C-alpha atoms as a PDB file:
ATOM      1  CA  MET A   1      94.510  59.789 -66.182  1.00  0.00           C
ATOM      2  CA  LEU A   2      98.070  61.050 -66.597  1.00  0.00           C
ATOM      3  CA  VAL A   3     100.510  58.359 -67.723  1.00  0.00           C
ATOM      4  CA  ILE A   4     104.139  59.345 -67.130  1.00  0.00           C
ATOM      5  CA  ASP A   5     106.332  56.970 -69.103  1.00  0.00           C
ATOM      6  CA  GLY A   6     109.077  55.496 -66.917  1.00  0.00           C
ATOM      7  CA  LEU A   7     107.624  56.619 -63.576  1.00  0.00           C
ATOM      8  CA  GLY A   8     108.350  53.671 -61.286  1.00  0.00           C
ATOM      9  CA  TRP A   9     107.133  53.435 -57.698  1.00  0.00           C
ATOM     10  CA  ASP A  10     110.616  52.934 -56.262  1.00  0.00           C
ATOM     11  CA  LEU A  11     111.993  55.859 -58.248  1.00  0.00           C
ATOM     12  CA  LEU A  12     109.189  58.187 -57.203  1.00  0.00           C
ATOM     13  CA  ARG A  13     109.514  57.332 -53.520  1.00  0.00           C
ATOM     14  CA  ALA A  14     113.300  57.736 -53.683  1.00  0.00           C
ATOM     15  CA  HIS A  15     113.014  61.332 -54.972  1.00  0.00           C
ATOM     16  CA  PRO A  16     110.637  63.270 -52.693  1.00  0.00           C
ATOM     17  CA  ASP A  17     112.459  66.556 -53.233  1.00  0.00           C
ATOM     18  CA  GLU A  18     112.055  66.374 -57.013  1.00  0.00           C
ATOM     19  CA  ALA A  19     108.399  65.247 -56.867  1.00  0.00           C
ATOM     20  CA  PRO A  20     106.789  66.732 -53.735  1.00  0.00           C
ATOM     21  CA  PHE A  21     103.293  66.890 -55.221  1.00  0.00           C
ATOM     22  CA  LEU A  22     103.228  63.295 -56.454  1.00  0.00           C
ATOM     23  CA  ASN A  23     104.835  61.938 -53.298  1.00  0.00           C
ATOM     24  CA  SER A  24     102.364  63.776 -51.086  1.00  0.00           C
ATOM     25  CA  MET A  25      99.507  61.810 -52.631  1.00  0.00           C
ATOM     26  CA  ALA A  26     101.141  58.562 -53.712  1.00  0.00           C
ATOM     27  CA  ASP A  27      98.627  55.965 -52.574  1.00  0.00           C
ATOM     28  CA  ARG A  28     100.031  52.570 -53.439  1.00  0.00           C
ATOM     29  CA  PRO A  29     101.895  50.751 -56.198  1.00  0.00           C
ATOM     30  CA  LEU A  30     100.367  48.865 -59.090  1.00  0.00           C
ATOM     31  CA  THR A  31     102.035  46.027 -61.003  1.00  0.00           C
ATOM     32  CA  ALA A  32     102.850  46.709 -64.641  1.00  0.00           C
ATOM     33  CA  GLY A  33     102.962  43.157 -66.038  1.00  0.00           C
ATOM     34  CA  LEU A  34     105.515  41.388 -68.223  1.00  0.00           C
ATOM     35  CA  PRO A  35     107.323  42.723 -70.091  1.00  0.00           C
ATOM     36  CA  ALA A  36     107.462  45.942 -68.067  1.00  0.00           C
ATOM     37  CA  THR A  37     107.557  48.098 -71.171  1.00  0.00           C
ATOM     38  CA  THR A  38     105.521  50.843 -72.792  1.00  0.00           C
ATOM     39  CA  ALA A  39     103.638  49.005 -75.531  1.00  0.00           C
ATOM     40  CA  THR A  40     102.575  46.224 -73.182  1.00  0.00           C
ATOM     41  CA  SER A  41     101.453  48.531 -70.376  1.00  0.00           C
ATOM     42  CA  LEU A  42      99.597  50.880 -72.718  1.00  0.00           C
ATOM     43  CA  GLY A  43      97.810  47.821 -74.038  1.00  0.00           C
ATOM     44  CA  SER A  44      96.746  46.868 -70.519  1.00  0.00           C
ATOM     45  CA  LEU A  45      95.692  50.417 -69.598  1.00  0.00           C
ATOM     46  CA  SER A  46      93.738  50.607 -72.847  1.00  0.00           C
ATOM     47  CA  THR A  47      91.892  47.298 -72.527  1.00  0.00           C
ATOM     48  CA  GLY A  48      91.910  46.422 -68.827  1.00  0.00           C
ATOM     49  CA  LEU A  49      93.499  43.088 -69.741  1.00  0.00           C
ATOM     50  CA  PRO A  50      96.833  41.422 -68.942  1.00  0.00           C
ATOM     51  CA  PRO A  51      99.429  41.101 -71.713  1.00  0.00           C
ATOM     52  CA  GLY A  52      98.518  37.535 -72.576  1.00  0.00           C
ATOM     53  CA  ALA A  53      94.979  38.608 -73.433  1.00  0.00           C
ATOM     54  CA  HIS A  54      95.534  41.804 -75.443  1.00  0.00           C
ATOM     55  CA  GLY A  55      98.587  40.448 -77.271  1.00  0.00           C
ATOM     56  CA  LEU A  56     100.895  43.505 -77.241  1.00  0.00           C
ATOM     57  CA  LEU A  57     103.539  41.317 -75.689  1.00  0.00           C
ATOM     58  CA  GLY A  58     106.569  43.569 -75.689  1.00  0.00           C
ATOM     59  CA  PHE A  59     108.625  46.164 -77.487  1.00  0.00           C
ATOM     60  CA  GLN A  60     109.324  43.745 -80.334  1.00  0.00           C
ATOM     61  CA  PHE A  61     108.087  40.225 -80.901  1.00  0.00           C
ATOM     62  CA  ALA A  62     107.452  37.796 -83.733  1.00  0.00           C
ATOM     63  CA  VAL A  63     104.424  38.040 -85.985  1.00  0.00           C
ATOM     64  CA  PRO A  64     103.558  34.360 -86.504  1.00  0.00           C
ATOM     65  CA  GLY A  65     103.966  33.120 -90.044  1.00  0.00           C
ATOM     66  CA  THR A  66     106.083  36.043 -91.242  1.00  0.00           C
ATOM     67  CA  GLY A  67     109.567  35.296 -89.916  1.00  0.00           C
ATOM     68  CA  ARG A  68     109.782  38.950 -88.849  1.00  0.00           C
ATOM     69  CA  LEU A  69     109.626  40.992 -85.670  1.00  0.00           C
ATOM     70  CA  LEU A  70     107.017  43.679 -85.077  1.00  0.00           C
ATOM     71  CA  ASN A  71     108.465  46.789 -83.442  1.00  0.00           C
ATOM     72  CA  CYS A  72     105.434  48.075 -81.547  1.00  0.00           C
ATOM     73  CA  LEU A  73     106.785  51.607 -81.183  1.00  0.00           C
ATOM     74  CA  ARG A  74     107.522  51.998 -84.899  1.00  0.00           C
ATOM     75  CA  TRP A  75     104.875  49.520 -86.103  1.00  0.00           C
ATOM     76  CA  GLN A  76     105.477  48.295 -89.620  1.00  0.00           C
ATOM     77  CA  ASP A  77     101.998  48.488 -91.174  1.00  0.00           C
ATOM     78  CA  ASP A  78     102.808  45.820 -93.728  1.00  0.00           C
ATOM     79  CA  LEU A  79     103.261  43.326 -90.874  1.00  0.00           C
ATOM     80  CA  ALA A  80     100.090  43.835 -88.889  1.00  0.00           C
ATOM     81  CA  ASP A  81      96.870  45.818 -89.071  1.00  0.00           C
ATOM     82  CA  PRO A  82      96.515  47.405 -85.607  1.00  0.00           C
ATOM     83  CA  SER A  83      92.762  46.823 -85.347  1.00  0.00           C
ATOM     84  CA  GLU A  84      93.165  43.157 -86.224  1.00  0.00           C
ATOM     85  CA  PHE A  85      96.363  42.565 -84.284  1.00  0.00           C
ATOM     86  CA  GLN A  86      94.793  44.035 -81.113  1.00  0.00           C
ATOM     87  CA  PRO A  87      91.045  43.584 -81.740  1.00  0.00           C
ATOM     88  CA  THR A  88      89.835  43.837 -78.120  1.00  0.00           C
ATOM     89  CA  PRO A  89      87.538  46.833 -77.575  1.00  0.00           C
ATOM     90  CA  THR A  90      89.359  49.613 -75.749  1.00  0.00           C
ATOM     91  CA  VAL A  91      88.119  51.370 -72.634  1.00  0.00           C
ATOM     92  CA  TYR A  92      87.606  54.425 -74.838  1.00  0.00           C
ATOM     93  CA  GLU A  93      85.322  52.549 -77.211  1.00  0.00           C
ATOM     94  CA  ARG A  94      83.355  51.105 -74.308  1.00  0.00           C
ATOM     95  CA  ALA A  95      83.066  54.503 -72.605  1.00  0.00           C
ATOM     96  CA  ALA A  96      82.020  56.245 -75.812  1.00  0.00           C
ATOM     97  CA  THR A  97      79.311  53.644 -76.354  1.00  0.00           C
ATOM     98  CA  ASP A  98      78.008  54.571 -72.903  1.00  0.00           C
ATOM     99  CA  GLY A  99      77.869  58.254 -73.800  1.00  0.00           C
ATOM    100  CA  VAL A 100      81.161  59.354 -72.240  1.00  0.00           C
ATOM    101  CA  ALA A 101      83.285  61.955 -74.068  1.00  0.00           C
ATOM    102  CA  THR A 102      86.662  60.266 -74.464  1.00  0.00           C
ATOM    103  CA  SER A 103      89.947  61.977 -75.327  1.00  0.00           C
ATOM    104  CA  TYR A 104      93.618  61.025 -75.593  1.00  0.00           C
ATOM    105  CA  ILE A 105      96.261  63.742 -75.352  1.00  0.00           C
ATOM    106  CA  SER A 106      99.849  63.236 -76.494  1.00  0.00           C
ATOM    107  CA  LEU A 107     102.405  64.298 -79.077  1.00  0.00           C
ATOM    108  CA  GLY A 108     100.998  64.898 -82.520  1.00  0.00           C
ATOM    109  CA  LEU A 109     103.605  62.620 -84.099  1.00  0.00           C
ATOM    110  CA  TYR A 110     102.114  59.627 -82.238  1.00  0.00           C
ATOM    111  CA  LYS A 111      98.622  60.132 -83.618  1.00  0.00           C
ATOM    112  CA  GLU A 112      98.813  57.896 -86.687  1.00  0.00           C
ATOM    113  CA  THR A 113     101.148  55.239 -85.317  1.00  0.00           C
ATOM    114  CA  GLY A 114     100.071  51.629 -85.202  1.00  0.00           C
ATOM    115  CA  LEU A 115     100.418  51.532 -81.428  1.00  0.00           C
ATOM    116  CA  SER A 116      98.066  54.498 -81.050  1.00  0.00           C
ATOM    117  CA  LYS A 117      95.575  52.887 -83.416  1.00  0.00           C
ATOM    118  CA  ALA A 118      95.742  49.686 -81.372  1.00  0.00           C
ATOM    119  CA  THR A 119      95.379  51.335 -77.971  1.00  0.00           C
ATOM    120  CA  THR A 120      93.452  54.615 -78.346  1.00  0.00           C
ATOM    121  CA  ARG A 121      90.583  53.562 -80.617  1.00  0.00           C
ATOM    122  CA  GLY A 122      87.382  55.291 -79.597  1.00  0.00           C
ATOM    123  CA  ALA A 123      89.084  58.388 -78.190  1.00  0.00           C
ATOM    124  CA  ALA A 124      89.398  61.765 -79.857  1.00  0.00           C
ATOM    125  CA  TYR A 125      93.170  62.090 -80.292  1.00  0.00           C
ATOM    126  CA  ILE A 126      94.215  65.613 -79.259  1.00  0.00           C
ATOM    127  CA  PRO A 127      97.789  66.628 -80.167  1.00  0.00           C
ATOM    128  CA  ALA A 128      99.785  68.455 -77.496  1.00  0.00           C
ATOM    129  CA  ASN A 129     103.470  69.169 -78.043  1.00  0.00           C
ATOM    130  CA  SER A 130     104.380  70.956 -74.804  1.00  0.00           C
ATOM    131  CA  LEU A 131     103.557  70.755 -71.109  1.00  0.00           C
ATOM    132  CA  GLY A 132     101.376  73.855 -71.281  1.00  0.00           C
ATOM    133  CA  GLN A 133      99.454  72.429 -74.219  1.00  0.00           C
ATOM    134  CA  ILE A 134      98.786  69.213 -72.296  1.00  0.00           C
ATOM    135  CA  VAL A 135      97.275  71.161 -69.384  1.00  0.00           C
ATOM    136  CA  ALA A 136      95.152  73.372 -71.641  1.00  0.00           C
ATOM    137  CA  GLN A 137      93.932  70.469 -73.768  1.00  0.00           C
ATOM    138  CA  ALA A 138      93.089  68.468 -70.639  1.00  0.00           C
ATOM    139  CA  GLU A 139      91.145  71.410 -69.227  1.00  0.00           C
ATOM    140  CA  HIS A 140      89.141  71.656 -72.438  1.00  0.00           C
ATOM    141  CA  ALA A 141      88.571  67.909 -72.823  1.00  0.00           C
ATOM    142  CA  LEU A 142      87.372  67.485 -69.236  1.00  0.00           C
ATOM    143  CA  ARG A 143      84.516  69.890 -69.927  1.00  0.00           C
ATOM    144  CA  GLN A 144      83.132  68.071 -72.958  1.00  0.00           C
ATOM    145  CA  GLY A 145      79.716  66.634 -72.139  1.00  0.00           C
ATOM    146  CA  ASP A 146      78.262  65.616 -68.795  1.00  0.00           C
ATOM    147  CA  ARG A 147      80.860  62.866 -68.403  1.00  0.00           C
ATOM    148  CA  ALA A 148      84.408  62.782 -69.729  1.00  0.00           C
ATOM    149  CA  TYR A 149      87.283  60.304 -69.658  1.00  0.00           C
ATOM    150  CA  VAL A 150      90.625  61.838 -70.613  1.00  0.00           C
ATOM    151  CA  THR A 151      94.084  60.272 -70.826  1.00  0.00           C
ATOM    152  CA  ALA A 152      97.290  62.278 -71.200  1.00  0.00           C
ATOM    153  CA  TYR A 153     100.598  60.542 -71.957  1.00  0.00           C
ATOM    154  CA  HIS A 154     104.113  62.006 -71.636  1.00  0.00           C
ATOM    155  CA  ALA A 155     107.288  60.170 -72.687  1.00  0.00           C
ATOM    156  CA  ASP A 156     110.268  62.342 -71.734  1.00  0.00           C
ATOM    157  CA  LEU A 157     111.062  60.891 -68.301  1.00  0.00           C
ATOM    158  CA  ASP A 158     111.559  57.482 -69.922  1.00  0.00           C
ATOM    159  CA  SER A 159     113.679  58.763 -72.803  1.00  0.00           C
ATOM    160  CA  THR A 160     115.820  60.779 -70.393  1.00  0.00           C
ATOM    161  CA  GLY A 161     116.368  57.696 -68.256  1.00  0.00           C
ATOM    162  CA  HIS A 162     117.344  55.624 -71.288  1.00  0.00           C
ATOM    163  CA  GLN A 163     119.916  58.185 -72.373  1.00  0.00           C
ATOM    164  CA  PHE A 164     121.376  59.370 -69.063  1.00  0.00           C
ATOM    165  CA  GLY A 165     120.183  56.843 -66.490  1.00  0.00           C
ATOM    166  CA  CYS A 166     117.365  56.976 -63.979  1.00  0.00           C
ATOM    167  CA  GLY A 167     118.391  59.019 -60.959  1.00  0.00           C
ATOM    168  CA  SER A 168     120.879  61.061 -63.016  1.00  0.00           C
ATOM    169  CA  PRO A 169     120.793  64.878 -62.748  1.00  0.00           C
ATOM    170  CA  HIS A 170     119.093  65.012 -66.157  1.00  0.00           C
ATOM    171  CA  TRP A 171     116.435  62.536 -65.003  1.00  0.00           C
ATOM    172  CA  ARG A 172     115.851  64.325 -61.691  1.00  0.00           C
ATOM    173  CA  HIS A 173     115.276  67.656 -63.460  1.00  0.00           C
ATOM    174  CA  GLN A 174     112.812  65.968 -65.812  1.00  0.00           C
ATOM    175  CA  LEU A 175     110.973  64.473 -62.830  1.00  0.00           C
ATOM    176  CA  ARG A 176     110.499  67.998 -61.449  1.00  0.00           C
ATOM    177  CA  PHE A 177     108.706  68.971 -64.665  1.00  0.00           C
ATOM    178  CA  MET A 178     106.492  65.871 -64.441  1.00  0.00           C
ATOM    179  CA  ASP A 179     105.588  66.752 -60.861  1.00  0.00           C
ATOM    180  CA  LEU A 180     104.651  70.261 -61.972  1.00  0.00           C
ATOM    181  CA  LEU A 181     102.588  68.870 -64.863  1.00  0.00           C
ATOM    182  CA  ALA A 182     100.581  66.671 -62.504  1.00  0.00           C
ATOM    183  CA  GLU A 183     100.052  69.550 -60.071  1.00  0.00           C
ATOM    184  CA  GLN A 184      98.850  71.898 -62.809  1.00  0.00           C
ATOM    185  CA  ILE A 185      96.376  69.334 -64.162  1.00  0.00           C
ATOM    186  CA  ALA A 186      95.056  68.810 -60.629  1.00  0.00           C
ATOM    187  CA  GLU A 187      94.499  72.566 -60.348  1.00  0.00           C
ATOM    188  CA  ILE A 188      92.318  72.766 -63.458  1.00  0.00           C
ATOM    189  CA  LEU A 189      90.036  69.843 -62.559  1.00  0.00           C
ATOM    190  CA  PRO A 190      86.379  70.789 -62.691  1.00  0.00           C
ATOM    191  CA  SER A 191      84.150  70.012 -59.725  1.00  0.00           C
ATOM    192  CA  GLY A 192      83.510  66.284 -59.398  1.00  0.00           C
ATOM    193  CA  ALA A 193      86.556  65.270 -61.453  1.00  0.00           C
ATOM    194  CA  ALA A 194      89.458  63.084 -60.390  1.00  0.00           C
ATOM    195  CA  LEU A 195      93.047  62.872 -61.580  1.00  0.00           C
ATOM    196  CA  TYR A 196      94.892  59.565 -61.472  1.00  0.00           C
ATOM    197  CA  VAL A 197      98.633  59.536 -62.180  1.00  0.00           C
ATOM    198  CA  THR A 198     100.503  56.346 -62.963  1.00  0.00           C
ATOM    199  CA  GLY A 199     103.437  55.008 -64.968  1.00  0.00           C
ATOM    200  CA  ASP A 200     103.883  52.194 -67.446  1.00  0.00           C
ATOM    201  CA  HIS A 201     107.030  50.707 -65.864  1.00  0.00           C
ATOM    202  CA  GLY A 202     109.965  51.530 -63.620  1.00  0.00           C
ATOM    203  CA  MET A 203     113.625  51.528 -64.620  1.00  0.00           C
ATOM    204  CA  THR A 204     117.075  50.396 -63.504  1.00  0.00           C
ATOM    205  CA  ASN A 205     120.620  51.114 -64.694  1.00  0.00           C
ATOM    206  CA  PRO A 206     122.166  47.676 -65.343  1.00  0.00           C
ATOM    207  CA  VAL A 207     125.931  47.603 -65.719  1.00  0.00           C
ATOM    208  CA  ASP A 208     126.506  43.890 -66.334  1.00  0.00           C
ATOM    209  CA  ARG A 209     126.184  43.227 -70.079  1.00  0.00           C
ATOM    210  CA  VAL A 210     126.162  40.040 -72.101  1.00  0.00           C
ATOM    211  CA  ASP A 211     126.232  40.368 -75.891  1.00  0.00           C
ATOM    212  CA  VAL A 212     124.301  37.651 -77.710  1.00  0.00           C
ATOM    213  CA  ASP A 213     126.053  38.459 -80.969  1.00  0.00           C
ATOM    214  CA  THR A 214     129.516  37.752 -79.524  1.00  0.00           C
ATOM    215  CA  VAL A 215     128.677  34.683 -77.426  1.00  0.00           C
ATOM    216  CA  PRO A 216     128.402  31.673 -79.764  1.00  0.00           C
ATOM    217  CA  GLU A 217     126.555  29.585 -77.181  1.00  0.00           C
ATOM    218  CA  LEU A 218     123.747  32.159 -77.030  1.00  0.00           C
ATOM    219  CA  ALA A 219     123.604  32.873 -80.765  1.00  0.00           C
ATOM    220  CA  ALA A 220     123.451  29.243 -81.889  1.00  0.00           C
ATOM    221  CA  GLY A 221     120.095  28.080 -83.198  1.00  0.00           C
ATOM    222  CA  ILE A 222     118.389  31.490 -83.074  1.00  0.00           C
ATOM    223  CA  ALA A 223     116.038  32.469 -85.885  1.00  0.00           C
ATOM    224  CA  LEU A 224     114.876  35.762 -84.307  1.00  0.00           C
ATOM    225  CA  LEU A 225     115.836  37.665 -81.175  1.00  0.00           C
ATOM    226  CA  GLY A 226     112.976  39.739 -79.784  1.00  0.00           C
ATOM    227  CA  GLY A 227     112.056  41.560 -76.613  1.00  0.00           C
ATOM    228  CA  ASP A 228     114.749  43.828 -75.243  1.00  0.00           C
ATOM    229  CA  ALA A 229     117.629  43.801 -72.788  1.00  0.00           C
ATOM    230  CA  ARG A 230     115.611  43.067 -69.651  1.00  0.00           C
ATOM    231  CA  CYS A 231     113.124  40.599 -71.159  1.00  0.00           C
ATOM    232  CA  ARG A 232     114.337  38.563 -74.097  1.00  0.00           C
ATOM    233  CA  TYR A 233     112.244  36.494 -76.491  1.00  0.00           C
ATOM    234  CA  VAL A 234     114.378  33.910 -78.274  1.00  0.00           C
ATOM    235  CA  TYR A 235     112.779  32.302 -81.326  1.00  0.00           C
ATOM    236  CA  ALA A 236     114.619  29.105 -82.202  1.00  0.00           C
ATOM    237  CA  GLU A 237     115.251  27.503 -85.558  1.00  0.00           C
ATOM    238  CA  PRO A 238     112.892  24.540 -86.090  1.00  0.00           C
ATOM    239  CA  GLY A 239     114.067  21.607 -83.997  1.00  0.00           C
ATOM    240  CA  ALA A 240     116.564  23.659 -81.992  1.00  0.00           C
ATOM    241  CA  GLU A 241     114.224  24.715 -79.172  1.00  0.00           C
ATOM    242  CA  ALA A 242     115.595  22.342 -76.538  1.00  0.00           C
ATOM    243  CA  ASP A 243     119.228  23.115 -77.373  1.00  0.00           C
ATOM    244  CA  VAL A 244     118.626  26.875 -77.264  1.00  0.00           C
ATOM    245  CA  LEU A 245     116.877  26.594 -73.905  1.00  0.00           C
ATOM    246  CA  ALA A 246     119.714  24.519 -72.477  1.00  0.00           C
ATOM    247  CA  ALA A 247     122.382  26.890 -73.809  1.00  0.00           C
ATOM    248  CA  TRP A 248     120.700  29.991 -72.426  1.00  0.00           C
ATOM    249  CA  ARG A 249     120.201  28.360 -69.046  1.00  0.00           C
ATOM    250  CA  ALA A 250     123.822  27.309 -68.923  1.00  0.00           C
ATOM    251  CA  THR A 251     125.113  30.742 -69.975  1.00  0.00           C
ATOM    252  CA  VAL A 252     122.865  33.270 -68.180  1.00  0.00           C
ATOM    253  CA  GLY A 253     120.751  31.094 -65.888  1.00  0.00           C
ATOM    254  CA  ASP A 254     122.629  32.329 -62.818  1.00  0.00           C
ATOM    255  CA  ARG A 255     121.610  35.921 -63.615  1.00  0.00           C
ATOM    256  CA  ALA A 256     118.234  35.558 -65.299  1.00  0.00           C
ATOM    257  CA  TRP A 257     115.086  33.500 -65.106  1.00  0.00           C
ATOM    258  CA  VAL A 258     115.227  31.363 -68.259  1.00  0.00           C
ATOM    259  CA  ALA A 259     112.106  29.445 -69.197  1.00  0.00           C
ATOM    260  CA  SER A 260     110.523  27.795 -72.186  1.00  0.00           C
ATOM    261  CA  ARG A 261     107.402  29.435 -73.565  1.00  0.00           C
ATOM    262  CA  GLU A 262     105.288  26.734 -71.954  1.00  0.00           C
ATOM    263  CA  GLU A 263     106.973  27.185 -68.567  1.00  0.00           C
ATOM    264  CA  ALA A 264     106.615  30.966 -68.634  1.00  0.00           C
ATOM    265  CA  VAL A 265     102.932  30.757 -69.535  1.00  0.00           C
ATOM    266  CA  ALA A 266     102.251  28.089 -66.904  1.00  0.00           C
ATOM    267  CA  ALA A 267     103.968  30.273 -64.291  1.00  0.00           C
ATOM    268  CA  GLY A 268     101.548  33.097 -65.115  1.00  0.00           C
ATOM    269  CA  TRP A 269     104.189  35.564 -66.288  1.00  0.00           C
ATOM    270  CA  PHE A 270     101.796  37.088 -68.856  1.00  0.00           C
ATOM    271  CA  GLY A 271      98.490  36.356 -67.182  1.00  0.00           C
ATOM    272  CA  PRO A 272      96.206  33.936 -69.035  1.00  0.00           C
ATOM    273  CA  VAL A 273      97.373  33.713 -72.648  1.00  0.00           C
ATOM    274  CA  SER A 274      94.914  33.268 -75.489  1.00  0.00           C
ATOM    275  CA  PRO A 275      95.984  30.203 -77.529  1.00  0.00           C
ATOM    276  CA  GLU A 276      96.242  32.153 -80.779  1.00  0.00           C
ATOM    277  CA  LEU A 277      98.710  34.549 -79.138  1.00  0.00           C
ATOM    278  CA  LEU A 278     101.138  31.902 -77.884  1.00  0.00           C
ATOM    279  CA  PRO A 279     103.421  32.013 -80.969  1.00  0.00           C
ATOM    280  CA  ARG A 280     104.095  35.702 -80.345  1.00  0.00           C
ATOM    281  CA  ILE A 281     106.104  34.700 -77.258  1.00  0.00           C
ATOM    282  CA  GLY A 282     109.616  33.373 -77.813  1.00  0.00           C
ATOM    283  CA  ASP A 283     110.416  29.677 -77.597  1.00  0.00           C
ATOM    284  CA  VAL A 284     112.719  30.779 -74.766  1.00  0.00           C
ATOM    285  CA  VAL A 285     112.065  33.718 -72.431  1.00  0.00           C
ATOM    286  CA  ALA A 286     115.021  35.178 -70.494  1.00  0.00           C
ATOM    287  CA  VAL A 287     114.295  37.749 -67.775  1.00  0.00           C
ATOM    288  CA  PRO A 288     117.273  39.083 -65.781  1.00  0.00           C
ATOM    289  CA  PHE A 289     116.820  39.253 -62.014  1.00  0.00           C
ATOM    290  CA  THR A 290     120.321  40.638 -61.424  1.00  0.00           C
ATOM    291  CA  ASP A 291     122.085  43.734 -62.745  1.00  0.00           C
ATOM    292  CA  LEU A 292     122.205  42.213 -66.238  1.00  0.00           C
ATOM    293  CA  ALA A 293     121.326  43.562 -69.672  1.00  0.00           C
ATOM    294  CA  ILE A 294     121.147  41.077 -72.562  1.00  0.00           C
ATOM    295  CA  VAL A 295     122.214  43.130 -75.576  1.00  0.00           C
ATOM    296  CA  ALA A 296     122.989  42.329 -79.201  1.00  0.00           C
ATOM    297  CA  SER A 297     125.683  44.576 -80.683  1.00  0.00           C
ATOM    298  CA  THR A 298     125.117  43.606 -84.335  1.00  0.00           C
ATOM    299  CA  ARG A 299     121.325  43.218 -84.398  1.00  0.00           C
ATOM    300  CA  GLU A 300     120.564  46.149 -82.083  1.00  0.00           C
ATOM    301  CA  PRO A 301     123.584  48.476 -81.780  1.00  0.00           C
ATOM    302  CA  TRP A 302     121.406  51.280 -80.360  1.00  0.00           C
ATOM    303  CA  LEU A 303     120.274  49.195 -77.376  1.00  0.00           C
ATOM    304  CA  GLY A 304     123.755  48.750 -75.934  1.00  0.00           C
ATOM    305  CA  ARG A 305     124.147  52.536 -75.702  1.00  0.00           C
ATOM    306  CA  MET A 306     121.223  52.864 -73.298  1.00  0.00           C
ATOM    307  CA  VAL A 307     121.934  53.532 -69.633  1.00  0.00           C
ATOM    308  CA  GLY A 308     118.490  53.045 -68.105  1.00  0.00           C
ATOM    309  CA  MET A 309     116.509  49.928 -69.023  1.00  0.00           C
ATOM    310  CA  HIS A 310     113.327  48.091 -68.061  1.00  0.00           C
ATOM    311  CA  GLY A 311     111.235  45.030 -68.825  1.00  0.00           C
ATOM    312  CA  SER A 312     112.011  42.576 -66.033  1.00  0.00           C
ATOM    313  CA  LEU A 313     109.922  41.048 -63.255  1.00  0.00           C
ATOM    314  CA  VAL A 314     111.928  42.742 -60.480  1.00  0.00           C
ATOM    315  CA  PRO A 315     109.984  45.245 -58.324  1.00  0.00           C
ATOM    316  CA  ALA A 316     112.042  48.256 -59.464  1.00  0.00           C
ATOM    317  CA  GLU A 317     110.719  47.722 -62.988  1.00  0.00           C
ATOM    318  CA  GLN A 318     107.328  46.186 -62.247  1.00  0.00           C
ATOM    319  CA  LEU A 319     105.894  48.564 -59.654  1.00  0.00           C
ATOM    320  CA  VAL A 320     104.350  51.871 -60.735  1.00  0.00           C
ATOM    321  CA  PRO A 321     102.552  54.434 -58.571  1.00  0.00           C
ATOM    322  CA  LEU A 322      98.877  55.160 -58.239  1.00  0.00           C
ATOM    323  CA  VAL A 323      98.419  58.816 -57.305  1.00  0.00           C
ATOM    324  CA  ALA A 324      94.922  60.277 -56.963  1.00  0.00           C
ATOM    325  CA  ALA A 325      93.625  63.827 -56.616  1.00  0.00           C
ATOM    326  CA  VAL A 326      89.892  64.551 -56.446  1.00  0.00           C
ATOM    327  CA  ARG A 327      88.152  67.907 -56.866  1.00  0.00           C
ATOM    328  CA  GLU A 328      85.010  67.981 -54.711  1.00  0.00           C
END
């Protein structure tokens, strides 16, 4: 399985010239889940469960009882032990128990991160710091034992989209490299092996911005602001939940779905949610359905500089491709 971070279905289908190999075999779209973001989707790909069951509920969300946010990509170890915070057995652990040789190929710098520990347990983590290394390591890993399950993950399409925008010249050139990577892995498949290519989310370039830190109505009563620009978790001060919900609905309700935690869970936004995981979700959840990014210039100055964003329930961010190539 090749996971190309930021490879949305709509984006792939809109760029056949940059991705001829992937487009020639694109079968159908899959739905990423909410939030449509890397940590959440890697959790689902790792466990086979929706976000509400594995608990990696976004880029950043509250750790109950701490008054702090966990950043899943940087993972503060003092906040949460990965094996306890995401205790569900991974597909790699289950496959290894059944005698399958399991491997995970990605940048070496990701190997010891909390997110990797939470999502790749059971797999032999194989560092690969270039496209050629990914192909060579995949070729080697696929030939370990009678049965092998190998995942390769590449992040640069997503980071390019964040910096320059999806569909930009920079992004289109990066997509060409991702198409070549997929084609080269398909070429080295041993007999009887299959390659599946997917993404973790799509991406859009929102231009309408609202800054929580400069709009008093939105900032009032907030204890913590989690999520990111296209899926916000708002954790209210005790007793302020109803006022915060009303204020957010009045201010951005014409551009975003704004729901209480209970409403969002009842609507199935996260799939079934385990009761112990409910406090990880904000008291208020705000998900833009228009060209809106909900930023916070003081709390998160880096976020407002992004061009491409993702996280919402809209198809451009939710739908990712399923591409399959099988070697007879």
